[in-house]
Amino acid sequence: MKRFAAMMTVLATPALAHDGVHLHPHGIDAVWLVLAALALGGGAAALLRSRK
């Protein structure tokens, strides 16, 4: 039973059943993705500048 449970936790993951990221066809998901990337990049740049 332990081997079966361990095997199922590895094999029966949602990642194996998922095709990947599906962005909204009208582009709003892409906009949020770009905004999040810009915010993350800006935060990293501000952090690096303040550490000098």
PDB file of N, CA and C in Angstrom:
ATOM      1  N   MET A   1       0.824  -1.198   0.000  1.00  0.00           N
ATOM      2  CA  MET A   1       0.000   0.000   0.000  1.00  0.00           C
ATOM      3  C   MET A   1       0.865   1.257   0.000  1.00  0.00           C
ATOM      4  N   LYS A   2       1.980   1.236   0.712  1.00  0.00           N
ATOM      5  CA  LYS A   2       2.850   2.411   0.746  1.00  0.00           C
ATOM      6  C   LYS A   2       3.442   2.685  -0.631  1.00  0.00           C
ATOM      7  N   ARG A   3       3.816   1.620  -1.316  1.00  0.00           N
ATOM      8  CA  ARG A   3       4.387   1.790  -2.654  1.00  0.00           C
ATOM      9  C   ARG A   3       3.334   2.362  -3.613  1.00  0.00           C
ATOM     10  N   PHE A   4       2.098   1.881  -3.508  1.00  0.00           N
ATOM     11  CA  PHE A   4       1.022   2.388  -4.357  1.00  0.00           C
ATOM     12  C   PHE A   4       0.759   3.862  -4.075  1.00  0.00           C
ATOM     13  N   ALA A   5       0.705   4.240  -2.813  1.00  0.00           N
ATOM     14  CA  ALA A   5       0.460   5.637  -2.458  1.00  0.00           C
ATOM     15  C   ALA A   5       1.598   6.528  -2.942  1.00  0.00           C
ATOM     16  N   ALA A   6       2.824   6.074  -2.801  1.00  0.00           N
ATOM     17  CA  ALA A   6       3.966   6.856  -3.270  1.00  0.00           C
ATOM     18  C   ALA A   6       3.937   6.992  -4.787  1.00  0.00           C
ATOM     19  N   MET A   7       3.586   5.925  -5.473  1.00  0.00           N
ATOM     20  CA  MET A   7       3.532   5.960  -6.928  1.00  0.00           C
ATOM     21  C   MET A   7       2.425   6.907  -7.404  1.00  0.00           C
ATOM     22  N   MET A   8       1.287   6.900  -6.734  1.00  0.00           N
ATOM     23  CA  MET A   8       0.186   7.764  -7.138  1.00  0.00           C
ATOM     24  C   MET A   8       0.488   9.239  -6.893  1.00  0.00           C
ATOM     25  N   THR A   9       1.240   9.552  -5.854  1.00  0.00           N
ATOM     26  CA  THR A   9       1.582  10.956  -5.625  1.00  0.00           C
ATOM     27  C   THR A   9       2.523  11.475  -6.698  1.00  0.00           C
ATOM     28  N   VAL A  10       3.311  10.600  -7.277  1.00  0.00           N
ATOM     29  CA  VAL A  10       4.227  11.011  -8.341  1.00  0.00           C
ATOM     30  C   VAL A  10       3.532  10.991  -9.699  1.00  0.00           C
ATOM     31  N   LEU A  11       2.733   9.971  -9.956  1.00  0.00           N
ATOM     32  CA  LEU A  11       2.155   9.795 -11.285  1.00  0.00           C
ATOM     33  C   LEU A  11       0.846  10.547 -11.509  1.00  0.00           C
ATOM     34  N   ALA A  12       0.040  10.679 -10.492  1.00  0.00           N
ATOM     35  CA  ALA A  12      -1.284  11.284 -10.664  1.00  0.00           C
ATOM     36  C   ALA A  12      -1.269  12.758 -10.278  1.00  0.00           C
ATOM     37  N   THR A  13      -0.400  13.514 -10.888  1.00  0.00           N
ATOM     38  CA  THR A  13      -0.322  14.939 -10.586  1.00  0.00           C
ATOM     39  C   THR A  13      -1.092  15.728 -11.636  1.00  0.00           C
ATOM     40  N   PRO A  14      -1.644  16.860 -11.270  1.00  0.00           N
ATOM     41  CA  PRO A  14      -2.346  17.687 -12.254  1.00  0.00           C
ATOM     42  C   PRO A  14      -1.432  18.176 -13.376  1.00  0.00           C
ATOM     43  N   ALA A  15      -0.143  18.280 -13.120  1.00  0.00           N
ATOM     44  CA  ALA A  15       0.784  18.755 -14.147  1.00  0.00           C
ATOM     45  C   ALA A  15       0.817  17.813 -15.340  1.00  0.00           C
ATOM     46  N   LEU A  16       0.622  16.549 -15.110  1.00  0.00           N
ATOM     47  CA  LEU A  16       0.635  15.588 -16.207  1.00  0.00           C
ATOM     48  C   LEU A  16      -0.639  15.671 -17.048  1.00  0.00           C
ATOM     49  N   ALA A  17      -1.712  16.157 -16.472  1.00  0.00           N
ATOM     50  CA  ALA A  17      -2.978  16.251 -17.190  1.00  0.00           C
ATOM     51  C   ALA A  17      -3.183  17.623 -17.818  1.00  0.00           C
ATOM     52  N   HIS A  18      -2.269  18.551 -17.590  1.00  0.00           N
ATOM     53  CA  HIS A  18      -2.442  19.927 -18.035  1.00  0.00           C
ATOM     54  C   HIS A  18      -1.610  20.193 -19.282  1.00  0.00           C
ATOM     55  N   ASP A  19      -2.191  20.887 -20.244  1.00  0.00           N
ATOM     56  CA  ASP A  19      -1.493  21.201 -21.489  1.00  0.00           C
ATOM     57  C   ASP A  19      -0.501  22.342 -21.339  1.00  0.00           C
ATOM     58  N   GLY A  20      -0.647  23.122 -20.303  1.00  0.00           N
ATOM     59  CA  GLY A  20       0.214  24.278 -20.105  1.00  0.00           C
ATOM     60  C   GLY A  20      -0.619  25.515 -19.851  1.00  0.00           C
ATOM     61  N   VAL A  21       0.028  26.651 -19.895  1.00  0.00           N
ATOM     62  CA  VAL A  21      -0.657  27.912 -19.629  1.00  0.00           C
ATOM     63  C   VAL A  21      -1.548  28.263 -20.816  1.00  0.00           C
ATOM     64  N   HIS A  22      -2.783  28.589 -20.524  1.00  0.00           N
ATOM     65  CA  HIS A  22      -3.722  28.999 -21.560  1.00  0.00           C
ATOM     66  C   HIS A  22      -4.099  30.449 -21.298  1.00  0.00           C
ATOM     67  N   LEU A  23      -3.581  31.353 -22.104  1.00  0.00           N
ATOM     68  CA  LEU A  23      -3.898  32.757 -21.931  1.00  0.00           C
ATOM     69  C   LEU A  23      -5.269  33.063 -22.523  1.00  0.00           C
ATOM     70  N   HIS A  24      -5.926  34.053 -21.972  1.00  0.00           N
ATOM     71  CA  HIS A  24      -7.237  34.474 -22.438  1.00  0.00           C
ATOM     72  C   HIS A  24      -7.121  34.945 -23.888  1.00  0.00           C
ATOM     73  N   PRO A  25      -8.045  34.565 -24.751  1.00  0.00           N
ATOM     74  CA  PRO A  25      -7.908  34.908 -26.173  1.00  0.00           C
ATOM     75  C   PRO A  25      -7.950  36.406 -26.465  1.00  0.00           C
ATOM     76  N   HIS A  26      -8.499  37.208 -25.570  1.00  0.00           N
ATOM     77  CA  HIS A  26      -8.578  38.648 -25.812  1.00  0.00           C
ATOM     78  C   HIS A  26      -7.394  39.400 -25.227  1.00  0.00           C
ATOM     79  N   GLY A  27      -6.462  38.709 -24.607  1.00  0.00           N
ATOM     80  CA  GLY A  27      -5.215  39.320 -24.199  1.00  0.00           C
ATOM     81  C   GLY A  27      -5.126  39.834 -22.783  1.00  0.00           C
ATOM     82  N   ILE A  28      -6.182  39.775 -21.986  1.00  0.00           N
ATOM     83  CA  ILE A  28      -6.116  40.354 -20.647  1.00  0.00           C
ATOM     84  C   ILE A  28      -5.146  39.575 -19.758  1.00  0.00           C
ATOM     85  N   ASP A  29      -5.051  38.261 -19.941  1.00  0.00           N
ATOM     86  CA  ASP A  29      -4.100  37.475 -19.151  1.00  0.00           C
ATOM     87  C   ASP A  29      -2.667  37.839 -19.505  1.00  0.00           C
ATOM     88  N   ALA A  30      -2.409  38.103 -20.771  1.00  0.00           N
ATOM     89  CA  ALA A  30      -1.067  38.503 -21.190  1.00  0.00           C
ATOM     90  C   ALA A  30      -0.704  39.850 -20.586  1.00  0.00           C
ATOM     91  N   VAL A  31      -1.673  40.742 -20.489  1.00  0.00           N
ATOM     92  CA  VAL A  31      -1.421  42.056 -19.883  1.00  0.00           C
ATOM     93  C   VAL A  31      -1.043  41.890 -18.422  1.00  0.00           C
ATOM     94  N   TRP A  32      -1.780  41.080 -17.684  1.00  0.00           N
ATOM     95  CA  TRP A  32      -1.455  40.853 -16.273  1.00  0.00           C
ATOM     96  C   TRP A  32      -0.091  40.196 -16.127  1.00  0.00           C
ATOM     97  N   LEU A  33       0.243  39.291 -17.035  1.00  0.00           N
ATOM     98  CA  LEU A  33       1.542  38.631 -16.991  1.00  0.00           C
ATOM     99  C   LEU A  33       2.664  39.637 -17.218  1.00  0.00           C
ATOM    100  N   VAL A  34       2.500  40.525 -18.171  1.00  0.00           N
ATOM    101  CA  VAL A  34       3.510  41.556 -18.439  1.00  0.00           C
ATOM    102  C   VAL A  34       3.611  42.521 -17.263  1.00  0.00           C
ATOM    103  N   LEU A  35       2.480  42.940 -16.708  1.00  0.00           N
ATOM    104  CA  LEU A  35       2.507  43.848 -15.559  1.00  0.00           C
ATOM    105  C   LEU A  35       3.188  43.210 -14.353  1.00  0.00           C
ATOM    106  N   ALA A  36       2.920  41.941 -14.111  1.00  0.00           N
ATOM    107  CA  ALA A  36       3.564  41.246 -12.992  1.00  0.00           C
ATOM    108  C   ALA A  36       5.062  41.135 -13.219  1.00  0.00           C
ATOM    109  N   ALA A  37       5.480  40.852 -14.450  1.00  0.00           N
ATOM    110  CA  ALA A  37       6.910  40.757 -14.755  1.00  0.00           C
ATOM    111  C   ALA A  37       7.589  42.109 -14.589  1.00  0.00           C
ATOM    112  N   LEU A  38       6.930  43.181 -15.032  1.00  0.00           N
ATOM    113  CA  LEU A  38       7.498  44.518 -14.865  1.00  0.00           C
ATOM    114  C   LEU A  38       7.600  44.900 -13.389  1.00  0.00           C
ATOM    115  N   ALA A  39       6.585  44.571 -12.611  1.00  0.00           N
ATOM    116  CA  ALA A  39       6.621  44.872 -11.182  1.00  0.00           C
ATOM    117  C   ALA A  39       7.723  44.087 -10.490  1.00  0.00           C
ATOM    118  N   LEU A  40       7.877  42.837 -10.853  1.00  0.00           N
ATOM    119  CA  LEU A  40       8.934  42.020 -10.262  1.00  0.00           C
ATOM    120  C   LEU A  40      10.309  42.548 -10.650  1.00  0.00           C
ATOM    121  N   GLY A  41      10.473  42.899 -11.911  1.00  0.00           N
ATOM    122  CA  GLY A  41      11.747  43.458 -12.362  1.00  0.00           C
ATOM    123  C   GLY A  41      12.046  44.796 -11.711  1.00  0.00           C
ATOM    124  N   GLY A  42      11.041  45.643 -11.589  1.00  0.00           N
ATOM    125  CA  GLY A  42      11.223  46.934 -10.926  1.00  0.00           C
ATOM    126  C   GLY A  42      11.551  46.780  -9.457  1.00  0.00           C
ATOM    127  N   GLY A  43      10.902  45.838  -8.807  1.00  0.00           N
ATOM    128  CA  GLY A  43      11.205  45.574  -7.395  1.00  0.00           C
ATOM    129  C   GLY A  43      12.610  45.048  -7.207  1.00  0.00           C
ATOM    130  N   ALA A  44      13.041  44.176  -8.100  1.00  0.00           N
ATOM    131  CA  ALA A  44      14.406  43.645  -8.020  1.00  0.00           C
ATOM    132  C   ALA A  44      15.425  44.747  -8.269  1.00  0.00           C
ATOM    133  N   ALA A  45      15.155  45.634  -9.238  1.00  0.00           N
ATOM    134  CA  ALA A  45      16.070  46.741  -9.521  1.00  0.00           C
ATOM    135  C   ALA A  45      16.147  47.693  -8.333  1.00  0.00           C
ATOM    136  N   ALA A  46      15.008  47.995  -7.723  1.00  0.00           N
ATOM    137  CA  ALA A  46      14.997  48.880  -6.555  1.00  0.00           C
ATOM    138  C   ALA A  46      15.749  48.247  -5.388  1.00  0.00           C
ATOM    139  N   LEU A  47      15.585  46.962  -5.215  1.00  0.00           N
ATOM    140  CA  LEU A  47      16.288  46.264  -4.138  1.00  0.00           C
ATOM    141  C   LEU A  47      17.793  46.291  -4.366  1.00  0.00           C
ATOM    142  N   LEU A  48      18.215  46.056  -5.594  1.00  0.00           N
ATOM    143  CA  LEU A  48      19.648  46.069  -5.897  1.00  0.00           C
ATOM    144  C   LEU A  48      20.242  47.468  -5.767  1.00  0.00           C
ATOM    145  N   ARG A  49      19.490  48.499  -6.140  1.00  0.00           N
ATOM    146  CA  ARG A  49      19.984  49.871  -5.997  1.00  0.00           C
ATOM    147  C   ARG A  49      20.107  50.275  -4.535  1.00  0.00           C
ATOM    148  N   SER A  50      19.182  49.824  -3.713  1.00  0.00           N
ATOM    149  CA  SER A  50      19.199  50.225  -2.303  1.00  0.00           C
ATOM    150  C   SER A  50      20.266  49.487  -1.502  1.00  0.00           C
ATOM    151  N   ARG A  51      20.820  48.417  -2.028  1.00  0.00           N
ATOM    152  CA  ARG A  51      21.814  47.628  -1.295  1.00  0.00           C
ATOM    153  C   ARG A  51      23.217  48.187  -1.438  1.00  0.00           C
ATOM    154  N   LYS A  52      23.427  49.206  -2.260  1.00  0.00           N
ATOM    155  CA  LYS A  52      24.765  49.769  -2.471  1.00  0.00           C
ATOM    156  C   LYS A  52      25.276  50.489  -1.260  1.00  0.00           C
TER     157      LYS A  52
END
